[in-house]
Amino acid sequence: LDDVSYALHMEVLAALTVCLSAQLFSELSASVPLPTVTAALGAPPPLAEALVARLLKHYIDQPPRPANPEGRLLGSIGSMLWLPLQVIASFFRAQEPPVELADRSLQVLLLLT
């Protein structure tokens, strides 16, 4: 994984988490099931196996977070403009550990079961 694909994987896993978490509060016997449930139940076995294998690989390998993904995505001028905003915002938010790719992979695996 490089910096850009790491960010892409994080965004895809966040979207999957949101889509799959909606099924936790719905009835499977509803007249119109959620599209994500329909897609999960109708997915061909090789595709489902590949998804689970990739999620397990991310969890087992625990790839490191890129050093500075914002700087690479925005460029040097964007980073200079983005830095003061991040410094000011850091005063107002609690220091939480960053969400890693392995953590999001595990969340999606748990939602799939």
Foldseek 3Di string as FASTA:
>chain_A
DDLVVQVVLVVVLVVLLVQLVVQVPDDPPDPDDRPVVVCLVPPDVVVVVVLLVVLVCCQVVVDDHDPDSVCVVLDDVRCVVVVVVVVVVVVVDDDDDDDGSNNSSVSSVVSSD
